[in-house]
Amino acid sequence: MDVIIDITSPEFNVEPYNLLVPGGHSINYIAGRDILILNLNNNDFRVFDLQCPERDCSSPMTYDGLFIVCQCDGKLYNRIHGGAPEDGKGCSALMYFATPLSGNRLRISR
């Protein structure tokens, strides 16, 4: 994946999501993937793929404000620790690089 998005676009700021404020987030379908974008402080973003890392679940993971949650087994992935599983077992959630660019643009790449 290598895409550039404009974080001011309405698709990233539909209630209850708001990517324009620190602590805000957005869940979108980008480049064929369900993606969670987190705004940590307007200069630092985290981006995760919502496919379960165990690859045994066909439903996208969700975000509860603290953890990324697998809908099939309830497993929790820690957004602060790079998507590491909270129980310390198995693979981490796939994290993309997020590079802020001028003009409210964000590059998402891997």
C-alpha atoms as a PDB file:
ATOM      1  CA  MET A   1       0.000   0.000   0.000  1.00  0.00           C
ATOM      2  CA  ASP A   2       1.174   3.481  -0.838  1.00  0.00           C
ATOM      3  CA  VAL A   3      -1.602   6.071  -0.852  1.00  0.00           C
ATOM      4  CA  ILE A   4      -1.951   9.731   0.040  1.00  0.00           C
ATOM      5  CA  ILE A   5      -5.163  10.883   1.689  1.00  0.00           C
ATOM      6  CA  ASP A   6      -6.483  14.321   2.618  1.00  0.00           C
ATOM      7  CA  ILE A   7      -7.483  14.059   6.275  1.00  0.00           C
ATOM      8  CA  THR A   8      -9.907  16.979   5.870  1.00  0.00           C
ATOM      9  CA  SER A   9     -12.060  14.977   3.421  1.00  0.00           C
ATOM     10  CA  PRO A  10     -15.572  14.264   4.722  1.00  0.00           C
ATOM     11  CA  GLU A  11     -15.032  10.494   4.430  1.00  0.00           C
ATOM     12  CA  PHE A  12     -12.480  10.728   7.268  1.00  0.00           C
ATOM     13  CA  ASN A  13     -14.668  12.949   9.441  1.00  0.00           C
ATOM     14  CA  VAL A  14     -18.084  11.308   9.542  1.00  0.00           C
ATOM     15  CA  GLU A  15     -19.694  11.207  13.003  1.00  0.00           C
ATOM     16  CA  PRO A  16     -18.749   9.673  15.365  1.00  0.00           C
ATOM     17  CA  TYR A  17     -15.258   9.694  13.836  1.00  0.00           C
ATOM     18  CA  ASN A  18     -13.057  12.750  13.567  1.00  0.00           C
ATOM     19  CA  LEU A  19      -9.545  12.425  12.246  1.00  0.00           C
ATOM     20  CA  LEU A  20      -8.886  16.167  12.566  1.00  0.00           C
ATOM     21  CA  VAL A  21      -8.541  16.225  16.362  1.00  0.00           C
ATOM     22  CA  PRO A  22      -5.895  14.641  18.598  1.00  0.00           C
ATOM     23  CA  GLY A  23      -7.302  11.371  19.891  1.00  0.00           C
ATOM     24  CA  GLY A  24      -9.650  11.121  16.921  1.00  0.00           C
ATOM     25  CA  HIS A  25      -9.832   8.175  14.577  1.00  0.00           C
ATOM     26  CA  SER A  26     -11.397   7.007  11.354  1.00  0.00           C
ATOM     27  CA  ILE A  27     -12.179   3.593   9.904  1.00  0.00           C
ATOM     28  CA  ASN A  28     -12.160   3.509   6.114  1.00  0.00           C
ATOM     29  CA  TYR A  29     -11.881   1.205   3.138  1.00  0.00           C
ATOM     30  CA  ILE A  30      -8.657   2.248   1.385  1.00  0.00           C
ATOM     31  CA  ALA A  31      -6.866   0.443  -1.438  1.00  0.00           C
ATOM     32  CA  GLY A  32      -8.989  -2.660  -0.909  1.00  0.00           C
ATOM     33  CA  ARG A  33      -8.341  -2.832   2.856  1.00  0.00           C
ATOM     34  CA  ASP A  34     -10.305  -1.958   5.997  1.00  0.00           C
ATOM     35  CA  ILE A  35      -8.036   0.579   7.722  1.00  0.00           C
ATOM     36  CA  LEU A  36      -8.019   2.240  11.160  1.00  0.00           C
ATOM     37  CA  ILE A  37      -6.326   5.659  11.258  1.00  0.00           C
ATOM     38  CA  LEU A  38      -5.541   7.200  14.659  1.00  0.00           C
ATOM     39  CA  ASN A  39      -4.594  10.852  15.187  1.00  0.00           C
ATOM     40  CA  LEU A  40      -2.328  10.865  18.241  1.00  0.00           C
ATOM     41  CA  ASN A  41      -1.381  14.569  18.335  1.00  0.00           C
ATOM     42  CA  ASN A  42      -1.882  16.110  14.849  1.00  0.00           C
ATOM     43  CA  ASN A  43       1.751  15.317  13.992  1.00  0.00           C
ATOM     44  CA  ASP A  44       1.792  11.634  14.831  1.00  0.00           C
ATOM     45  CA  PHE A  45      -0.606   9.110  13.308  1.00  0.00           C
ATOM     46  CA  ARG A  46      -0.923   5.334  13.618  1.00  0.00           C
ATOM     47  CA  VAL A  47      -2.529   3.247  10.893  1.00  0.00           C
ATOM     48  CA  PHE A  48      -3.586  -0.393  11.261  1.00  0.00           C
ATOM     49  CA  ASP A  49      -5.048  -2.955   8.896  1.00  0.00           C
ATOM     50  CA  LEU A  50      -8.238  -4.380  10.388  1.00  0.00           C
ATOM     51  CA  GLN A  51      -7.754  -7.904   9.051  1.00  0.00           C
ATOM     52  CA  CYS A  52      -7.256 -10.258  11.987  1.00  0.00           C
ATOM     53  CA  PRO A  53      -3.555 -11.194  12.146  1.00  0.00           C
ATOM     54  CA  GLU A  54      -4.513 -14.793  12.878  1.00  0.00           C
ATOM     55  CA  ARG A  55      -6.235 -14.829   9.453  1.00  0.00           C
ATOM     56  CA  ASP A  56      -8.956 -17.152  10.751  1.00  0.00           C
ATOM     57  CA  CYS A  57     -11.658 -14.492  10.892  1.00  0.00           C
ATOM     58  CA  SER A  58     -13.551 -13.084   7.928  1.00  0.00           C
ATOM     59  CA  SER A  59     -14.933 -10.057   9.830  1.00  0.00           C
ATOM     60  CA  PRO A  60     -12.821  -6.914  10.112  1.00  0.00           C
ATOM     61  CA  MET A  61     -11.549  -6.058  13.558  1.00  0.00           C
ATOM     62  CA  THR A  62     -13.113  -3.138  15.417  1.00  0.00           C
ATOM     63  CA  TYR A  63     -11.704  -0.357  17.581  1.00  0.00           C
ATOM     64  CA  ASP A  64     -13.101   0.276  21.060  1.00  0.00           C
ATOM     65  CA  GLY A  65     -11.100   3.434  21.801  1.00  0.00           C
ATOM     66  CA  LEU A  66      -8.342   1.516  23.602  1.00  0.00           C
ATOM     67  CA  PHE A  67      -7.825  -1.726  21.725  1.00  0.00           C
ATOM     68  CA  ILE A  68      -8.232  -3.168  18.258  1.00  0.00           C
ATOM     69  CA  VAL A  69     -10.559  -6.140  18.774  1.00  0.00           C
ATOM     70  CA  CYS A  70     -10.919  -9.329  16.708  1.00  0.00           C
ATOM     71  CA  GLN A  71     -14.640  -9.999  16.247  1.00  0.00           C
ATOM     72  CA  CYS A  72     -14.207 -13.771  16.008  1.00  0.00           C
ATOM     73  CA  ASP A  73     -12.307 -14.560  19.203  1.00  0.00           C
ATOM     74  CA  GLY A  74     -12.319 -11.276  21.148  1.00  0.00           C
ATOM     75  CA  LYS A  75      -8.514 -11.043  21.074  1.00  0.00           C
ATOM     76  CA  LEU A  76      -7.178  -7.571  21.879  1.00  0.00           C
ATOM     77  CA  TYR A  77      -4.369  -5.759  20.050  1.00  0.00           C
ATOM     78  CA  ASN A  78      -2.644  -2.797  21.684  1.00  0.00           C
ATOM     79  CA  ARG A  79      -2.581   0.338  19.509  1.00  0.00           C
ATOM     80  CA  ILE A  80       0.079   1.988  21.674  1.00  0.00           C
ATOM     81  CA  HIS A  81       2.499  -0.940  21.383  1.00  0.00           C
ATOM     82  CA  GLY A  82       2.374  -1.239  17.596  1.00  0.00           C
ATOM     83  CA  GLY A  83      -0.597  -3.587  17.451  1.00  0.00           C
ATOM     84  CA  ALA A  84       0.978  -6.235  19.711  1.00  0.00           C
ATOM     85  CA  PRO A  85      -1.465  -8.817  21.064  1.00  0.00           C
ATOM     86  CA  GLU A  86      -2.462  -7.915  24.607  1.00  0.00           C
ATOM     87  CA  ASP A  87      -1.959 -11.519  25.755  1.00  0.00           C
ATOM     88  CA  GLY A  88       1.548 -11.607  24.239  1.00  0.00           C
ATOM     89  CA  LYS A  89       0.695 -14.595  22.013  1.00  0.00           C
ATOM     90  CA  GLY A  90       0.565 -14.654  18.229  1.00  0.00           C
ATOM     91  CA  CYS A  91       1.143 -12.042  15.564  1.00  0.00           C
ATOM     92  CA  SER A  92       0.688  -8.291  15.878  1.00  0.00           C
ATOM     93  CA  ALA A  93      -1.906  -6.350  13.915  1.00  0.00           C
ATOM     94  CA  LEU A  94      -0.449  -5.080  10.642  1.00  0.00           C
ATOM     95  CA  MET A  95       0.690  -1.492  11.084  1.00  0.00           C
ATOM     96  CA  TYR A  96       1.353   0.864   8.176  1.00  0.00           C
ATOM     97  CA  PHE A  97       3.736   3.807   8.077  1.00  0.00           C
ATOM     98  CA  ALA A  98       1.944   7.146   8.411  1.00  0.00           C
ATOM     99  CA  THR A  99       3.825  10.197   7.155  1.00  0.00           C
ATOM    100  CA  PRO A 100       2.222  13.650   7.512  1.00  0.00           C
ATOM    101  CA  LEU A 101       2.660  15.788   4.398  1.00  0.00           C
ATOM    102  CA  SER A 102       1.895  19.452   3.787  1.00  0.00           C
ATOM    103  CA  GLY A 103      -1.675  20.568   3.233  1.00  0.00           C
ATOM    104  CA  ASN A 104      -3.390  18.115   5.619  1.00  0.00           C
ATOM    105  CA  ARG A 105      -2.247  15.142   3.575  1.00  0.00           C
ATOM    106  CA  LEU A 106      -1.114  11.836   5.041  1.00  0.00           C
ATOM    107  CA  ARG A 107       0.892   9.167   3.230  1.00  0.00           C
ATOM    108  CA  ILE A 108       0.012   5.618   4.244  1.00  0.00           C
ATOM    109  CA  SER A 109       2.544   3.048   3.129  1.00  0.00           C
ATOM    110  CA  ARG A 110       4.103  -0.278   3.942  1.00  0.00           C
END
